Protein backbone atom coordinates (compact mmCIF):
# COMPACT_ATOMS: atom_id res chain seq x y z
CA MET A 1 0.00 0.00 0.00
CA GLY A 2 1.44 3.37 -1.00
CA PHE A 3 0.63 7.01 -0.39
CA GLU A 4 0.65 8.74 -3.76
CA VAL A 5 -0.11 12.48 -3.87
CA PHE A 6 1.31 13.46 -7.27
CA ASN A 7 -1.23 15.72 -9.01
CA ARG A 8 -3.83 14.96 -6.32
CA ILE A 9 -5.58 17.63 -4.23
CA VAL A 10 -4.45 17.70 -0.60
CA VAL A 11 -5.94 19.98 2.06
CA VAL A 12 -3.66 20.85 4.97
CA SER A 13 -4.92 22.75 8.01
CA GLY A 14 -2.55 24.48 10.41
CA ALA A 15 -0.26 25.04 7.43
CA SER A 16 1.16 28.40 8.45
CA GLN A 17 3.78 26.96 10.81
CA GLY A 18 5.08 23.87 12.57
CA LEU A 19 4.24 20.37 11.40
CA GLY A 20 1.47 21.57 9.09
CA ARG A 21 3.90 23.86 7.26
CA SER A 22 6.55 21.14 6.97
CA LEU A 23 4.03 18.62 5.66
CA ALA A 24 2.75 21.15 3.13
CA ASP A 25 6.29 21.71 1.83
CA LYS A 26 7.02 17.99 1.59
CA LEU A 27 3.69 17.22 -0.07
CA HIS A 28 4.36 20.00 -2.59
CA ALA A 29 7.77 18.45 -3.28
CA ARG A 30 5.95 15.20 -4.08
CA GLY A 31 3.82 16.93 -6.68
CA ALA A 32 0.61 17.47 -4.70
CA ASN A 33 -1.84 20.26 -5.43
CA LEU A 34 -2.44 21.96 -2.10
CA VAL A 35 -5.15 23.91 -0.34
CA VAL A 36 -3.41 25.35 2.72
CA LEU A 37 -5.51 26.60 5.63
CA ALA A 38 -4.76 28.66 8.74
CA ARG A 39 -5.78 31.93 10.33
CA SER A 40 -2.62 33.76 9.20
CA LYS A 41 -3.27 35.10 5.69
CA ASP A 42 0.22 36.57 5.27
CA ARG A 43 2.02 33.33 6.12
CA LEU A 44 -0.21 31.30 3.84
CA GLU A 45 0.31 33.65 0.93
CA GLN A 46 4.05 33.53 1.51
CA LEU A 47 3.89 29.73 1.43
CA ALA A 48 1.85 29.73 -1.78
CA ALA A 49 4.26 32.16 -3.45
CA GLN A 50 7.21 29.97 -2.48
CA HIS A 51 5.53 26.91 -3.96
CA GLU A 52 4.65 28.80 -7.15
CA GLN A 53 8.35 29.37 -7.78
CA ASP A 54 9.18 25.68 -7.38
CA LYS A 55 6.53 23.68 -9.22
CA ARG A 56 6.97 19.96 -9.80
CA HIS A 57 4.64 19.95 -12.80
CA ALA A 58 3.06 22.62 -14.97
CA ASP A 59 -0.46 22.44 -13.53
CA GLN A 60 0.59 22.22 -9.88
CA PHE A 61 -0.95 24.79 -7.53
CA THR A 62 -0.99 25.83 -3.89
CA LEU A 63 -4.12 27.73 -2.92
CA ALA A 64 -3.97 29.77 0.29
CA TYR A 65 -7.23 30.28 2.17
CA ALA A 66 -7.25 32.11 5.51
CA VAL A 67 -9.96 30.73 7.81
CA ASP A 68 -10.74 30.19 11.48
CA LEU A 69 -11.65 26.51 11.38
CA SER A 70 -13.29 26.68 14.81
CA ASP A 71 -15.90 29.06 13.38
CA ALA A 72 -18.71 27.06 11.79
CA GLY A 73 -19.77 29.96 9.57
CA GLN A 74 -16.29 30.44 8.14
CA VAL A 75 -15.94 26.69 7.52
CA GLU A 76 -19.23 26.71 5.65
CA GLN A 77 -17.89 29.56 3.50
CA LEU A 78 -14.78 27.48 2.82
CA ARG A 79 -16.93 24.56 1.71
CA GLY A 80 -18.88 26.86 -0.63
CA PHE A 81 -15.66 28.26 -2.06
CA LEU A 82 -14.24 24.80 -2.80
CA ARG A 83 -17.49 23.78 -4.48
CA LYS A 84 -17.50 26.93 -6.59
CA GLU A 85 -13.90 26.34 -7.66
CA MET A 86 -14.69 22.63 -8.27
CA ILE A 87 -11.92 21.55 -5.91
CA ASP A 88 -12.60 18.01 -4.67
CA PRO A 89 -10.06 16.96 -2.01
CA ASP A 90 -8.39 13.57 -2.24
CA VAL A 91 -6.50 13.84 1.05
CA VAL A 92 -7.10 15.94 4.17
CA PHE A 93 -4.49 16.59 6.86
CA CYS A 94 -5.89 18.03 10.12
CA CYS A 95 -2.79 19.57 11.69
CA ALA A 96 -4.06 22.60 13.63
CA GLY A 97 -3.37 22.51 17.36
CA SER A 98 -1.64 24.20 20.27
CA SER A 99 -1.02 23.60 23.95
CA VAL A 100 -0.99 25.88 27.00
CA PRO A 101 0.50 23.72 29.77
CA LYS A 102 -0.62 25.02 33.16
CA LEU A 103 -2.23 23.68 36.29
CA PHE A 104 -5.98 23.40 35.79
CA GLY A 105 -6.79 26.10 38.35
CA ASP A 106 -4.37 28.51 36.71
CA LEU A 107 -6.01 28.27 33.29
CA SER A 108 -8.48 30.95 32.26
CA LEU A 109 -11.81 30.05 30.70
CA ALA A 110 -10.57 31.73 27.52
CA GLU A 111 -7.58 29.36 27.44
CA LEU A 112 -9.81 26.35 28.02
CA ASP A 113 -12.16 27.47 25.25
CA ALA A 114 -9.19 27.99 22.92
CA GLY A 115 -8.07 24.44 23.68
CA ILE A 116 -11.44 23.10 22.58
CA ASP A 117 -11.53 25.33 19.50
CA ILE A 118 -7.98 24.84 18.23
CA ASN A 119 -7.39 21.23 19.20
CA TYR A 120 -10.78 19.73 18.41
CA LYS A 121 -13.22 21.96 16.58
CA THR A 122 -10.73 22.81 13.83
CA CYS A 123 -10.57 19.14 12.88
CA LEU A 124 -14.21 18.31 13.56
CA TYR A 125 -15.62 21.19 11.53
CA LEU A 126 -13.21 20.77 8.62
CA LEU A 127 -13.92 17.06 8.25
CA HIS A 128 -17.66 17.63 8.61
CA ALA A 129 -17.43 20.07 5.71
CA LEU A 130 -15.22 17.97 3.42
CA VAL A 131 -15.96 14.30 4.13
CA PRO A 132 -19.47 14.17 2.59
CA ALA A 133 -18.08 15.34 -0.76
CA MET A 134 -15.18 12.91 -0.45
CA VAL A 135 -17.65 10.07 0.12
CA LEU A 136 -19.62 10.99 -3.00
CA ASP A 137 -16.44 11.11 -5.07
CA ALA A 138 -14.77 8.02 -3.56
CA ASP A 139 -14.67 4.65 -5.29
CA PRO A 140 -14.53 1.68 -2.88
CA ARG A 141 -12.57 -0.20 -5.54
CA ASP A 142 -9.68 2.24 -4.92
CA ALA A 143 -9.29 1.03 -1.33
CA GLY A 144 -5.76 -0.14 -0.70
CA THR A 145 -4.42 1.53 -3.84
CA ASP A 146 -2.60 4.82 -4.48
CA ARG A 147 -5.90 6.33 -5.61
CA GLU A 148 -7.88 5.90 -2.41
CA LYS A 149 -8.99 9.00 -0.59
CA HIS A 150 -7.48 9.62 2.80
CA VAL A 151 -8.09 11.48 6.06
CA VAL A 152 -5.13 12.11 8.39
CA ILE A 153 -5.83 13.34 11.94
CA LEU A 154 -3.05 14.73 14.13
CA SER A 155 -3.62 13.70 17.75
CA SER A 156 -0.81 13.35 20.34
CA SER A 157 0.93 10.76 22.49
CA VAL A 158 -0.82 12.26 25.52
CA ALA A 159 -4.07 10.81 24.15
CA PHE A 160 -2.83 7.50 25.64
CA TYR A 161 -1.54 8.90 28.95
CA SER A 162 -2.37 12.37 30.19
CA PHE A 163 -0.73 13.91 33.24
CA ILE A 164 -0.45 17.06 35.31
CA GLY A 165 -0.34 20.28 33.31
CA TYR A 166 -2.14 19.14 30.15
CA SER A 167 -5.81 19.62 31.05
CA GLN A 168 -6.18 22.25 28.31
CA TYR A 169 -4.75 19.95 25.64
CA ALA A 170 -4.78 16.21 26.32
CA PRO A 171 -8.59 15.71 26.64
CA LEU A 172 -9.09 17.17 23.17
CA LYS A 173 -6.30 15.07 21.66
CA ALA A 174 -7.98 12.02 23.20
CA ALA A 175 -11.20 13.20 21.57
CA LEU A 176 -9.40 13.28 18.20
CA LYS A 177 -8.29 9.69 18.76
CA ALA A 178 -11.93 8.72 19.33
CA LEU A 179 -13.03 10.72 16.30
CA GLY A 180 -10.43 8.98 14.15
CA ASP A 181 -11.53 5.55 15.39
CA THR A 182 -15.16 6.36 14.64
CA LEU A 183 -14.48 7.71 11.17
CA ARG A 184 -12.21 4.76 10.39
CA HIS A 185 -15.21 2.47 10.88
CA GLU A 186 -17.62 4.70 8.98
CA LEU A 187 -15.47 5.64 6.00
CA LYS A 188 -13.75 2.33 5.27
CA TYR A 189 -16.95 1.13 3.63
CA HIS A 190 -16.68 4.02 1.17
CA GLY A 191 -13.03 3.31 0.37
CA ILE A 192 -11.68 6.22 2.42
CA ARG A 193 -8.71 5.48 4.63
CA VAL A 194 -8.41 7.17 8.04
CA THR A 195 -5.06 7.45 9.81
CA THR A 196 -4.43 8.96 13.24
CA VAL A 197 -0.99 10.35 14.09
CA PHE A 198 0.26 10.52 17.68
CA PRO A 199 3.37 12.69 17.60
CA GLY A 200 5.77 13.00 20.49
CA ASN A 201 7.69 16.22 21.09
CA PHE A 202 8.99 18.01 18.02
CA ALA A 203 10.75 21.37 17.85
CA SER A 204 8.39 23.99 16.42
CA GLU A 205 7.13 27.48 17.16
CA GLY A 206 4.28 25.94 19.15
CA TYR A 207 6.63 23.80 21.22
CA ALA A 208 8.72 26.86 22.11
CA GLU A 209 5.59 28.73 23.22
CA GLU A 210 4.42 25.70 25.19
CA ASN A 211 7.62 25.67 27.24
CA LEU A 212 7.01 29.28 28.32
CA THR A 213 4.08 28.23 30.53
CA LYS A 214 4.92 24.60 31.25
CA PRO A 215 5.13 23.88 35.02
CA SER A 216 8.40 22.28 36.07
CA ILE A 217 6.53 19.22 37.37
CA THR A 218 4.98 18.69 33.94
CA ALA A 219 8.46 18.65 32.43
CA ASP A 220 9.64 16.25 35.15
CA VAL A 221 6.85 13.76 34.47
CA GLU A 222 7.26 14.19 30.73
CA GLY A 223 10.94 13.30 30.94
CA SER A 224 14.01 14.74 29.29
CA SER A 225 13.53 13.29 25.81
CA LYS A 226 14.97 15.64 23.20
CA PRO A 227 12.38 16.83 20.68
CA ILE A 228 13.00 15.81 17.09
CA SER A 229 13.00 18.43 14.34
CA VAL A 230 9.68 19.28 12.73
CA ASP A 231 10.99 18.09 9.35
CA ASP A 232 12.04 14.74 10.82
CA CYS A 233 8.58 14.41 12.32
CA ALA A 234 6.96 15.13 8.95
CA ASP A 235 9.23 12.59 7.25
CA ILE A 236 8.23 9.89 9.73
CA VAL A 237 4.54 10.64 9.18
CA LEU A 238 4.86 10.43 5.40
CA ARG A 239 6.93 7.24 5.53
CA GLN A 240 4.38 5.55 7.76
CA LEU A 241 1.53 6.71 5.56
CA HIS A 242 3.31 5.10 2.63
CA ALA A 243 3.68 1.91 4.68
CA GLY A 244 -0.06 1.83 5.37
CA THR A 245 0.18 2.31 9.15
CA THR A 246 -3.13 3.23 10.79
CA TYR A 247 -1.81 4.53 14.12
CA ILE A 248 1.39 6.48 13.46
CA HIS A 249 3.90 7.27 16.21
CA THR A 250 6.93 9.51 15.83
CA ASP A 251 8.87 8.24 18.84
CA LEU A 252 9.28 5.06 20.86
CA ILE A 253 7.57 6.30 24.01
CA GLY A 254 4.36 7.09 22.13
CA TRP A 255 4.29 3.59 20.67
CA VAL A 256 4.91 2.09 24.14
CA LEU A 257 2.08 4.16 25.64
CA ASN A 258 -0.17 2.86 22.89
CA CYS A 259 0.86 -0.71 23.75
CA PHE A 260 0.07 -0.11 27.42
CA SER A 261 -3.50 0.80 26.44
CA LEU A 262 -3.85 -1.56 23.48
CA GLY A 263 -7.58 -2.23 23.73
CA PHE A 264 -9.47 -2.38 20.45
CA GLY A 265 -7.14 -0.13 18.45
CA PRO A 266 -5.16 -0.88 15.29
CA ARG A 267 -1.85 -2.66 15.84
CA SER A 268 1.60 -3.02 14.36
CA TRP A 269 4.19 -5.56 15.43
CA TRP A 270 1.38 -7.54 17.04
CA PRO A 271 3.37 -10.09 19.12
CA LEU A 272 5.61 -7.43 20.65
CA GLN A 273 2.67 -5.13 21.34
CA VAL A 274 0.81 -7.90 23.12
CA LEU A 275 3.85 -8.60 25.32
CA LEU A 276 4.17 -4.90 26.15
CA ALA A 277 0.44 -4.73 26.86
CA LEU A 278 0.91 -7.53 29.40
CA PHE A 279 3.89 -5.72 30.92
CA GLY A 280 1.81 -2.54 31.07
CA ALA A 281 -1.05 -4.34 32.78
CA LEU A 282 1.39 -5.54 35.46
CA PHE A 283 3.64 -2.51 35.92
CA ALA A 284 2.22 0.66 34.31
CA ARG A 285 0.37 1.56 37.49
CA LEU A 286 3.71 1.55 39.33
CA ILE A 287 5.00 4.14 36.88
CA ASP A 288 1.94 6.28 37.54
CA LEU A 289 2.43 5.90 41.30
CA TYR A 290 6.00 7.12 40.84
CA HIS A 291 4.67 10.14 38.98
CA GLU A 292 2.19 10.75 41.79
CA SER A 293 5.06 10.74 44.28
CA LEU A 294 6.95 13.30 42.16
CA ILE A 295 3.83 15.47 42.06
CA ALA A 296 3.32 15.22 45.83
CA LYS A 297 6.92 16.29 46.46
CA TRP A 298 6.58 19.15 44.00
CA TYR A 299 3.44 20.45 45.71
CA ALA A 300 5.07 20.12 49.14
CA ALA A 301 8.11 22.09 47.99
CA ARG A 302 5.93 24.73 46.36
CA ASP A 303 3.73 25.09 49.44
CA ALA A 304 6.79 25.39 51.69
CA ALA A 305 8.17 28.14 49.46
CA ARG A 306 4.83 29.96 49.68
CA GLY A 307 4.67 29.65 53.45
CA GLY A 308 2.05 26.90 53.45
CA SER A 309 -0.40 28.38 50.96
CA THR A 310 -1.26 26.25 47.91
CA GLY A 311 -2.59 29.10 45.80
CA PRO A 312 -6.07 30.20 44.75
CA SER A 313 -7.37 26.74 43.87
CA GLY A 314 -5.85 24.66 46.68
CA PRO A 315 -6.55 23.84 50.32
CA GLY A 316 -4.79 27.01 51.49
CA ALA A 317 -7.42 29.11 49.77
CA ALA A 318 -10.17 27.00 51.33
CA ARG A 319 -8.78 27.66 54.82
CA LYS A 320 -8.79 31.40 54.15
CA LEU A 321 -12.41 31.28 53.05
CA LYS A 322 -13.60 29.65 56.28
C-alpha cells in the first residue's frame, strides 16, 4: 500500500507553521496540489508564493485560504468556495493545534475554550465540511491503492496517557483519537482510509511557546527526551503513511504508551505489542504511582516556598475562606 499524492488535491490545516507547514512543503515536493488553511493570511500567501516558484509539474498549484476553522460559519464559506472552484479533495491533513501547559486552576476560561476550539473543533468542523463530498467522489474499488482517498488526523501521544499540566490539551487530543476511530469504521466502507498520528515532542514554534508556561513538574513527568525536528517528524509521518500504518507514532515512548492501552485499536508488530500490553497491565500503574510521588513532592516544595499556601485553587485558599 502506498501514499501517492502526485497531481492529487491535498488539504492541509494548520499550514502556516510547525508540522502543518513542513508537511505542506514535503507534499508540494511530491507533486501534490495543495489547499493550505490557517488563520494567518500573510504566512499562507508567503507559502503559496514559495511553492509557485518551485513547481513539480506545470499544472501544480498551492491555494492559500485564511480561515478560522473553529468558526462554523467560516468553515461553511470554505466549503462553498471549494465547491464553486470545483476543488474536490483527495487527502485531508488536520494539523491545527496548540497547547498551553498550566495547572488546571491557573487556566483561564478563555484558554480552556481555545483548547477546545484549536485542538478539536478545527478538525471536527473541517472534516464535517469535506468528508461528505469525499464520500460521493470516492470509489470503494480504490481502497488499498494509491488512488484511495485519505483522512489524516493529528492527535498526540498524551491521548494515551495524560498527566499534570495538560488539562487544556490532552482531553481534546484524546477526543481526536476517538473521532479517528469512529471515522475509520464509517469511512472504510466508502473506500476512504483514516489514519491517526500521535506525535511526540517536536521542535516547532508551538513547542517553544508551550515551554514558556509549562510547570516544572509537567516537564519532570514528561521526561528529558529531546524533541525531534519538525521536518524529521513530517518525514516519519509520510513514511508511515506510505507503509499503510493506521496509528502512526513519531517516537518510541508514544508507541509504548499505545501498547500499554492496546484495547481495540489498530496494531503493528502484534506479538511485541501484546507482550508490552501484558507488561503494562502488570507494571504501568507503578509508573503512575512514581509520577504521583513526584507530584506530591513538587506540591510540598511549592507550598513550603509559599509559606504553606497552595494558591487560589488549593486547600490554602479553602482555609482562608472559612
